[in-house]
PDB file of N, CA and C in Angstrom:
ATOM      1  N   UNK A   1     153.927 136.113 141.397  1.00  0.00           N
ATOM      2  CA  UNK A   1     153.525 136.051 142.794  1.00  0.00           C
ATOM      3  C   UNK A   1     153.562 134.610 143.261  1.00  0.00           C
ATOM      4  N   UNK A   2     153.926 134.447 144.514  1.00  0.00           N
ATOM      5  CA  UNK A   2     153.980 133.119 145.095  1.00  0.00           C
ATOM      6  C   UNK A   2     153.099 133.057 146.327  1.00  0.00           C
ATOM      7  N   UNK A   3     152.741 131.825 146.686  1.00  0.00           N
ATOM      8  CA  UNK A   3     151.967 131.584 147.898  1.00  0.00           C
ATOM      9  C   UNK A   3     152.490 130.317 148.555  1.00  0.00           C
ATOM     10  N   UNK A   4     152.162 130.178 149.832  1.00  0.00           N
ATOM     11  CA  UNK A   4     152.540 128.998 150.599  1.00  0.00           C
ATOM     12  C   UNK A   4     151.251 128.276 150.982  1.00  0.00           C
ATOM     13  N   UNK A   5     151.223 126.977 150.717  1.00  0.00           N
ATOM     14  CA  UNK A   5     150.080 126.141 151.097  1.00  0.00           C
ATOM     15  C   UNK A   5     150.579 125.127 152.112  1.00  0.00           C
ATOM     16  N   UNK A   6     149.926 125.066 153.269  1.00  0.00           N
ATOM     17  CA  UNK A   6     150.280 124.068 154.274  1.00  0.00           C
ATOM     18  C   UNK A   6     149.101 123.133 154.495  1.00  0.00           C
ATOM     19  N   UNK A   7     149.416 121.872 154.740  1.00  0.00           N
ATOM     20  CA  UNK A   7     148.402 120.853 154.993  1.00  0.00           C
ATOM     21  C   UNK A   7     148.849 120.054 156.207  1.00  0.00           C
ATOM     22  N   UNK A   8     147.965 119.931 157.191  1.00  0.00           N
ATOM     23  CA  UNK A   8     148.272 119.155 158.387  1.00  0.00           C
ATOM     24  C   UNK A   8     147.026 118.367 158.779  1.00  0.00           C
ATOM     25  N   UNK A   9     147.238 117.089 159.086  1.00  0.00           N
ATOM     26  CA  UNK A   9     146.130 116.259 159.538  1.00  0.00           C
ATOM     27  C   UNK A   9     146.501 114.797 159.555  1.00  0.00           C
ATOM     28  N   UNK A  10     145.536 113.982 159.870  1.00  0.00           N
ATOM     29  CA  UNK A  10     145.747 112.535 159.908  1.00  0.00           C
ATOM     30  C   UNK A  10     146.056 112.038 158.500  1.00  0.00           C
ATOM     31  N   UNK A  11     147.080 111.210 158.388  1.00  0.00           N
ATOM     32  CA  UNK A  11     147.496 110.705 157.085  1.00  0.00           C
ATOM     33  C   UNK A  11     146.421 109.803 156.484  1.00  0.00           C
ATOM     34  N   UNK A  12     146.262 109.938 155.166  1.00  0.00           N
ATOM     35  CA  UNK A  12     145.345 109.074 154.418  1.00  0.00           C
ATOM     36  C   UNK A  12     145.768 109.091 152.954  1.00  0.00           C
ATOM     37  N   UNK A  13     145.311 108.161 152.200  1.00  0.00           N
ATOM     38  CA  UNK A  13     145.630 108.087 150.785  1.00  0.00           C
ATOM     39  C   UNK A  13     144.981 109.248 150.043  1.00  0.00           C
ATOM     40  N   UNK A  14     145.744 109.915 149.164  1.00  0.00           N
ATOM     41  CA  UNK A  14     145.181 110.886 148.251  1.00  0.00           C
ATOM     42  C   UNK A  14     145.279 112.344 148.630  1.00  0.00           C
ATOM     43  N   UNK A  15     145.836 112.678 149.790  1.00  0.00           N
ATOM     44  CA  UNK A  15     145.889 114.088 150.194  1.00  0.00           C
ATOM     45  C   UNK A  15     146.694 114.893 149.180  1.00  0.00           C
ATOM     46  N   UNK A  16     147.909 114.469 148.914  1.00  0.00           N
ATOM     47  CA  UNK A  16     148.769 115.191 147.977  1.00  0.00           C
ATOM     48  C   UNK A  16     148.121 115.275 146.599  1.00  0.00           C
ATOM     49  N   UNK A  17     147.540 114.198 146.147  1.00  0.00           N
ATOM     50  CA  UNK A  17     146.893 114.155 144.835  1.00  0.00           C
ATOM     51  C   UNK A  17     145.756 115.166 144.727  1.00  0.00           C
ATOM     52  N   UNK A  18     144.934 115.242 145.741  1.00  0.00           N
ATOM     53  CA  UNK A  18     143.778 116.139 145.687  1.00  0.00           C
ATOM     54  C   UNK A  18     144.186 117.605 145.773  1.00  0.00           C
ATOM     55  N   UNK A  19     145.196 117.916 146.582  1.00  0.00           N
ATOM     56  CA  UNK A  19     145.669 119.294 146.686  1.00  0.00           C
ATOM     57  C   UNK A  19     146.316 119.723 145.372  1.00  0.00           C
ATOM     58  N   UNK A  20     147.145 118.855 144.799  1.00  0.00           N
ATOM     59  CA  UNK A  20     147.810 119.214 143.546  1.00  0.00           C
ATOM     60  C   UNK A  20     146.827 119.276 142.382  1.00  0.00           C
ATOM     61  N   UNK A  21     145.793 118.468 142.402  1.00  0.00           N
ATOM     62  CA  UNK A  21     144.765 118.530 141.362  1.00  0.00           C
ATOM     63  C   UNK A  21     144.042 119.866 141.405  1.00  0.00           C
ATOM     64  N   UNK A  22     143.702 120.330 142.593  1.00  0.00           N
ATOM     65  CA  UNK A  22     143.047 121.635 142.729  1.00  0.00           C
ATOM     66  C   UNK A  22     143.962 122.749 142.217  1.00  0.00           C
ATOM     67  N   UNK A  23     145.248 122.629 142.489  1.00  0.00           N
ATOM     68  CA  UNK A  23     146.210 123.610 141.962  1.00  0.00           C
ATOM     69  C   UNK A  23     146.207 123.573 140.433  1.00  0.00           C
ATOM     70  N   UNK A  24     146.307 122.391 139.858  1.00  0.00           N
ATOM     71  CA  UNK A  24     146.365 122.251 138.399  1.00  0.00           C
ATOM     72  C   UNK A  24     145.098 122.782 137.736  1.00  0.00           C
ATOM     73  N   UNK A  25     143.953 122.506 138.325  1.00  0.00           N
ATOM     74  CA  UNK A  25     142.686 122.977 137.761  1.00  0.00           C
ATOM     75  C   UNK A  25     142.608 124.505 137.709  1.00  0.00           C
ATOM     76  N   UNK A  26     143.383 125.162 138.562  1.00  0.00           N
ATOM     77  CA  UNK A  26     143.357 126.627 138.625  1.00  0.00           C
ATOM     78  C   UNK A  26     144.628 127.260 138.074  1.00  0.00           C
ATOM     79  N   UNK A  27     145.393 126.486 137.315  1.00  0.00           N
ATOM     80  CA  UNK A  27     146.604 126.969 136.633  1.00  0.00           C
ATOM     81  C   UNK A  27     147.640 127.513 137.624  1.00  0.00           C
ATOM     82  N   UNK A  28     147.774 126.815 138.742  1.00  0.00           N
ATOM     83  CA  UNK A  28     148.740 127.180 139.771  1.00  0.00           C
ATOM     84  C   UNK A  28     149.912 126.212 139.667  1.00  0.00           C
ATOM     85  N   UNK A  29     151.107 126.770 139.476  1.00  0.00           N
ATOM     86  CA  UNK A  29     152.304 125.955 139.306  1.00  0.00           C
ATOM     87  C   UNK A  29     152.928 125.644 140.663  1.00  0.00           C
ATOM     88  N   UNK A  30     153.201 124.368 140.897  1.00  0.00           N
ATOM     89  CA  UNK A  30     153.842 123.944 142.138  1.00  0.00           C
ATOM     90  C   UNK A  30     155.354 124.048 141.942  1.00  0.00           C
ATOM     91  N   UNK A  31     155.986 124.866 142.772  1.00  0.00           N
ATOM     92  CA  UNK A  31     157.424 125.104 142.662  1.00  0.00           C
ATOM     93  C   UNK A  31     158.214 124.126 143.522  1.00  0.00           C
ATOM     94  N   UNK A  32     157.742 123.915 144.743  1.00  0.00           N
ATOM     95  CA  UNK A  32     158.479 123.066 145.674  1.00  0.00           C
ATOM     96  C   UNK A  32     157.507 122.447 146.670  1.00  0.00           C
ATOM     97  N   UNK A  33     157.789 121.193 147.052  1.00  0.00           N
ATOM     98  CA  UNK A  33     156.953 120.485 148.017  1.00  0.00           C
ATOM     99  C   UNK A  33     157.847 119.783 149.029  1.00  0.00           C
ATOM    100  N   UNK A  34     157.494 119.915 150.288  1.00  0.00           N
ATOM    101  CA  UNK A  34     158.142 119.134 151.349  1.00  0.00           C
ATOM    102  C   UNK A  34     157.015 118.508 152.165  1.00  0.00           C
ATOM    103  N   UNK A  35     157.120 117.213 152.378  1.00  0.00           N
ATOM    104  CA  UNK A  35     156.087 116.549 153.169  1.00  0.00           C
ATOM    105  C   UNK A  35     156.727 115.522 154.080  1.00  0.00           C
ATOM    106  N   UNK A  36     156.013 115.210 155.139  1.00  0.00           N
ATOM    107  CA  UNK A  36     156.513 114.251 156.099  1.00  0.00           C
ATOM    108  C   UNK A  36     155.330 113.564 156.772  1.00  0.00           C
ATOM    109  N   UNK A  37     155.563 112.339 157.165  1.00  0.00           N
ATOM    110  CA  UNK A  37     154.582 111.608 157.963  1.00  0.00           C
ATOM    111  C   UNK A  37     155.204 111.448 159.348  1.00  0.00           C
ATOM    112  N   UNK A  38     154.564 111.992 160.346  1.00  0.00           N
ATOM    113  CA  UNK A  38     155.036 111.902 161.723  1.00  0.00           C
ATOM    114  C   UNK A  38     154.051 111.039 162.488  1.00  0.00           C
ATOM    115  N   UNK A  39     154.450 109.787 162.735  1.00  0.00           N
ATOM    116  CA  UNK A  39     153.553 108.769 163.266  1.00  0.00           C
ATOM    117  C   UNK A  39     152.367 108.667 162.310  1.00  0.00           C
ATOM    118  N   UNK A  40     151.186 109.086 162.694  1.00  0.00           N
ATOM    119  CA  UNK A  40     150.031 109.009 161.789  1.00  0.00           C
ATOM    120  C   UNK A  40     149.620 110.381 161.263  1.00  0.00           C
ATOM    121  N   UNK A  41     150.454 111.393 161.482  1.00  0.00           N
ATOM    122  CA  UNK A  41     150.123 112.748 161.063  1.00  0.00           C
ATOM    123  C   UNK A  41     150.847 113.113 159.769  1.00  0.00           C
ATOM    124  N   UNK A  42     150.100 113.702 158.840  1.00  0.00           N
ATOM    125  CA  UNK A  42     150.624 114.160 157.560  1.00  0.00           C
ATOM    126  C   UNK A  42     150.903 115.649 157.678  1.00  0.00           C
ATOM    127  N   UNK A  43     152.091 116.070 157.249  1.00  0.00           N
ATOM    128  CA  UNK A  43     152.440 117.491 157.255  1.00  0.00           C
ATOM    129  C   UNK A  43     153.080 117.822 155.909  1.00  0.00           C
ATOM    130  N   UNK A  44     152.587 118.886 155.256  1.00  0.00           N
ATOM    131  CA  UNK A  44     153.121 119.267 153.958  1.00  0.00           C
ATOM    132  C   UNK A  44     153.146 120.787 153.850  1.00  0.00           C
ATOM    133  N   UNK A  45     154.185 121.278 153.198  1.00  0.00           N
ATOM    134  CA  UNK A  45     154.262 122.696 152.858  1.00  0.00           C
ATOM    135  C   UNK A  45     154.636 122.775 151.380  1.00  0.00           C
ATOM    136  N   UNK A  46     153.919 123.623 150.657  1.00  0.00           N
ATOM    137  CA  UNK A  46     154.141 123.789 149.223  1.00  0.00           C
ATOM    138  C   UNK A  46     154.370 125.267 148.917  1.00  0.00           C
ATOM    139  N   UNK A  47     155.334 125.531 148.055  1.00  0.00           N
ATOM    140  CA  UNK A  47     155.508 126.869 147.495  1.00  0.00           C
ATOM    141  C   UNK A  47     154.911 126.800 146.103  1.00  0.00           C
ATOM    142  N   UNK A  48     153.987 127.704 145.801  1.00  0.00           N
ATOM    143  CA  UNK A  48     153.318 127.690 144.504  1.00  0.00           C
ATOM    144  C   UNK A  48     153.395 129.056 143.845  1.00  0.00           C
ATOM    145  N   UNK A  49     153.346 129.045 142.520  1.00  0.00           N
ATOM    146  CA  UNK A  49     153.319 130.288 141.740  1.00  0.00           C
ATOM    147  C   UNK A  49     151.874 130.544 141.338  1.00  0.00           C
ATOM    148  N   UNK A  50     151.329 131.669 141.820  1.00  0.00           N
ATOM    149  CA  UNK A  50     149.924 131.991 141.544  1.00  0.00           C
ATOM    150  C   UNK A  50     149.786 133.100 140.499  1.00  0.00           C
ATOM    151  N   UNK A  51     150.890 133.412 139.816  1.00  0.00           N
ATOM    152  CA  UNK A  51     150.881 134.504 138.827  1.00  0.00           C
ATOM    153  C   UNK A  51     149.831 134.309 137.744  1.00  0.00           C
ATOM    154  N   UNK A  52     149.638 133.078 137.282  1.00  0.00           N
ATOM    155  CA  UNK A  52     148.693 132.794 136.201  1.00  0.00           C
ATOM    156  C   UNK A  52     147.433 132.090 136.689  1.00  0.00           C
ATOM    157  N   UNK A  53     147.163 132.199 137.990  1.00  0.00           N
ATOM    158  CA  UNK A  53     146.011 131.512 138.573  1.00  0.00           C
ATOM    159  C   UNK A  53     144.705 131.999 137.960  1.00  0.00           C
ATOM    160  N   UNK A  54     143.771 131.080 137.797  1.00  0.00           N
ATOM    161  CA  UNK A  54     142.447 131.403 137.266  1.00  0.00           C
ATOM    162  C   UNK A  54     141.548 132.054 138.313  1.00  0.00           C
ATOM    163  N   UNK A  55     141.912 131.928 139.598  1.00  0.00           N
ATOM    164  CA  UNK A  55     141.080 132.491 140.659  1.00  0.00           C
ATOM    165  C   UNK A  55     141.933 133.343 141.595  1.00  0.00           C
ATOM    166  N   UNK A  56     141.314 134.334 142.261  1.00  0.00           N
ATOM    167  CA  UNK A  56     142.044 135.156 143.225  1.00  0.00           C
ATOM    168  C   UNK A  56     142.494 134.325 144.436  1.00  0.00           C
ATOM    169  N   UNK A  57     143.494 134.816 145.132  1.00  0.00           N
ATOM    170  CA  UNK A  57     144.047 134.104 146.289  1.00  0.00           C
ATOM    171  C   UNK A  57     142.981 133.802 147.337  1.00  0.00           C
ATOM    172  N   UNK A  58     142.085 134.741 147.600  1.00  0.00           N
ATOM    173  CA  UNK A  58     141.029 134.525 148.605  1.00  0.00           C
ATOM    174  C   UNK A  58     140.123 133.360 148.207  1.00  0.00           C
ATOM    175  N   UNK A  59     139.802 133.260 146.920  1.00  0.00           N
ATOM    176  CA  UNK A  59     138.960 132.153 146.451  1.00  0.00           C
ATOM    177  C   UNK A  59     139.711 130.825 146.529  1.00  0.00           C
ATOM    178  N   UNK A  60     141.017 130.867 146.204  1.00  0.00           N
ATOM    179  CA  UNK A  60     141.827 129.653 146.329  1.00  0.00           C
ATOM    180  C   UNK A  60     141.829 129.181 147.773  1.00  0.00           C
ATOM    181  N   UNK A  61     141.989 130.110 148.686  1.00  0.00           N
ATOM    182  CA  UNK A  61     141.973 129.763 150.110  1.00  0.00           C
ATOM    183  C   UNK A  61     140.652 129.122 150.506  1.00  0.00           C
ATOM    184  N   UNK A  62     139.539 129.684 150.039  1.00  0.00           N
ATOM    185  CA  UNK A  62     138.218 129.107 150.327  1.00  0.00           C
ATOM    186  C   UNK A  62     138.094 127.696 149.761  1.00  0.00           C
ATOM    187  N   UNK A  63     138.554 127.510 148.517  1.00  0.00           N
ATOM    188  CA  UNK A  63     138.478 126.189 147.884  1.00  0.00           C
ATOM    189  C   UNK A  63     139.339 125.170 148.626  1.00  0.00           C
ATOM    190  N   UNK A  64     140.524 125.592 149.054  1.00  0.00           N
ATOM    191  CA  UNK A  64     141.403 124.688 149.807  1.00  0.00           C
ATOM    192  C   UNK A  64     140.794 124.359 151.172  1.00  0.00           C
ATOM    193  N   UNK A  65     140.142 125.339 151.799  1.00  0.00           N
ATOM    194  CA  UNK A  65     139.459 125.071 153.075  1.00  0.00           C
ATOM    195  C   UNK A  65     138.364 124.034 152.896  1.00  0.00           C
ATOM    196  N   UNK A  66     137.586 124.151 151.827  1.00  0.00           N
ATOM    197  CA  UNK A  66     136.530 123.172 151.548  1.00  0.00           C
ATOM    198  C   UNK A  66     137.121 121.793 151.326  1.00  0.00           C
ATOM    199  N   UNK A  67     138.208 121.745 150.559  1.00  0.00           N
ATOM    200  CA  UNK A  67     138.881 120.467 150.312  1.00  0.00           C
ATOM    201  C   UNK A  67     139.382 119.881 151.620  1.00  0.00           C
ATOM    202  N   UNK A  68     140.011 120.716 152.441  1.00  0.00           N
ATOM    203  CA  UNK A  68     140.504 120.243 153.727  1.00  0.00           C
ATOM    204  C   UNK A  68     139.394 119.688 154.602  1.00  0.00           C
ATOM    205  N   UNK A  69     138.257 120.375 154.622  1.00  0.00           N
ATOM    206  CA  UNK A  69     137.107 119.889 155.397  1.00  0.00           C
ATOM    207  C   UNK A  69     136.652 118.524 154.908  1.00  0.00           C
ATOM    208  N   UNK A  70     136.632 118.339 153.591  1.00  0.00           N
ATOM    209  CA  UNK A  70     136.183 117.056 153.037  1.00  0.00           C
ATOM    210  C   UNK A  70     137.170 115.928 153.336  1.00  0.00           C
ATOM    211  N   UNK A  71     138.452 116.280 153.509  1.00  0.00           N
ATOM    212  CA  UNK A  71     139.477 115.268 153.793  1.00  0.00           C
ATOM    213  C   UNK A  71     139.743 115.102 155.286  1.00  0.00           C
ATOM    214  N   UNK A  72     139.238 116.011 156.092  1.00  0.00           N
ATOM    215  CA  UNK A  72     139.498 115.958 157.529  1.00  0.00           C
ATOM    216  C   UNK A  72     140.887 116.467 157.900  1.00  0.00           C
ATOM    217  N   UNK A  73     141.426 117.387 157.076  1.00  0.00           N
ATOM    218  CA  UNK A  73     142.728 117.997 157.356  1.00  0.00           C
ATOM    219  C   UNK A  73     142.571 119.508 157.330  1.00  0.00           C
ATOM    220  N   UNK A  74     143.573 120.223 157.810  1.00  0.00           N
ATOM    221  CA  UNK A  74     143.582 121.678 157.764  1.00  0.00           C
ATOM    222  C   UNK A  74     144.501 122.116 156.633  1.00  0.00           C
ATOM    223  N   UNK A  75     143.974 122.916 155.710  1.00  0.00           N
ATOM    224  CA  UNK A  75     144.764 123.458 154.607  1.00  0.00           C
ATOM    225  C   UNK A  75     144.728 124.977 154.731  1.00  0.00           C
ATOM    226  N   UNK A  76     145.922 125.571 154.721  1.00  0.00           N
ATOM    227  CA  UNK A  76     146.027 127.016 154.855  1.00  0.00           C
ATOM    228  C   UNK A  76     146.801 127.568 153.665  1.00  0.00           C
ATOM    229  N   UNK A  77     146.289 128.644 153.066  1.00  0.00           N
ATOM    230  CA  UNK A  77     146.942 129.301 151.931  1.00  0.00           C
ATOM    231  C   UNK A  77     147.309 130.716 152.360  1.00  0.00           C
ATOM    232  N   UNK A  78     148.566 131.097 152.107  1.00  0.00           N
ATOM    233  CA  UNK A  78     149.039 132.409 152.512  1.00  0.00           C
ATOM    234  C   UNK A  78     149.957 132.986 151.435  1.00  0.00           C
ATOM    235  N   UNK A  79     149.771 134.263 151.124  1.00  0.00           N
ATOM    236  CA  UNK A  79     150.655 134.930 150.172  1.00  0.00           C
ATOM    237  C   UNK A  79     152.081 134.885 150.712  1.00  0.00           C
ATOM    238  N   UNK A  80     153.049 134.711 149.844  1.00  0.00           N
ATOM    239  CA  UNK A  80     154.459 134.588 150.249  1.00  0.00           C
ATOM    240  C   UNK A  80     154.927 135.769 151.093  1.00  0.00           C
ATOM    241  N   UNK A  81     154.510 136.981 150.757  1.00  0.00           N
ATOM    242  CA  UNK A  81     154.947 138.161 151.507  1.00  0.00           C
ATOM    243  C   UNK A  81     154.483 138.110 152.961  1.00  0.00           C
ATOM    244  N   UNK A  82     153.258 137.676 153.178  1.00  0.00           N
ATOM    245  CA  UNK A  82     152.736 137.558 154.545  1.00  0.00           C
ATOM    246  C   UNK A  82     153.475 136.456 155.282  1.00  0.00           C
ATOM    247  N   UNK A  83     153.688 135.334 154.614  1.00  0.00           N
ATOM    248  CA  UNK A  83     154.428 134.213 155.218  1.00  0.00           C
ATOM    249  C   UNK A  83     155.810 134.679 155.657  1.00  0.00           C
ATOM    250  N   UNK A  84     156.522 135.360 154.769  1.00  0.00           N
ATOM    251  CA  UNK A  84     157.877 135.825 155.089  1.00  0.00           C
ATOM    252  C   UNK A  84     157.870 136.832 156.234  1.00  0.00           C
ATOM    253  N   UNK A  85     156.893 137.726 156.257  1.00  0.00           N
ATOM    254  CA  UNK A  85     156.810 138.708 157.342  1.00  0.00           C
ATOM    255  C   UNK A  85     156.551 138.041 158.683  1.00  0.00           C
ATOM    256  N   UNK A  86     155.709 137.034 158.697  1.00  0.00           N
ATOM    257  CA  UNK A  86     155.374 136.334 159.938  1.00  0.00           C
ATOM    258  C   UNK A  86     156.540 135.527 160.479  1.00  0.00           C
ATOM    259  N   UNK A  87     157.423 135.064 159.599  1.00  0.00           N
ATOM    260  CA  UNK A  87     158.492 134.159 160.010  1.00  0.00           C
ATOM    261  C   UNK A  87     159.876 134.814 159.976  1.00  0.00           C
ATOM    262  N   UNK A  88     159.899 136.114 159.956  1.00  0.00           N
ATOM    263  CA  UNK A  88     161.167 136.853 160.004  1.00  0.00           C
ATOM    264  C   UNK A  88     161.597 136.966 161.469  1.00  0.00           C
ATOM    265  N   UNK A  89     162.846 136.669 161.724  1.00  0.00           N
ATOM    266  CA  UNK A  89     163.359 136.711 163.101  1.00  0.00           C
ATOM    267  C   UNK A  89     164.084 138.018 163.332  1.00  0.00           C
TER     268      UNK A  89
END
């Protein structure tokens, strides 16, 4: 199973590190990462493999929300199937 993690907010040191650390702590494999800095805004999208995750997707989403709140950014976690359905033209 795969999921998509998006992060958007004001750029600061450590955003990528903290998000990837939370993934590693929960045995979530990062498959692909794309990130960009647009003026002072940080934008990142990650494709992750949650097949061997230590926590359910809903709990991962809650943990990422807490992390985002502590960093002052918005982090959203979505199952790949939902992401694909939402973005199908």
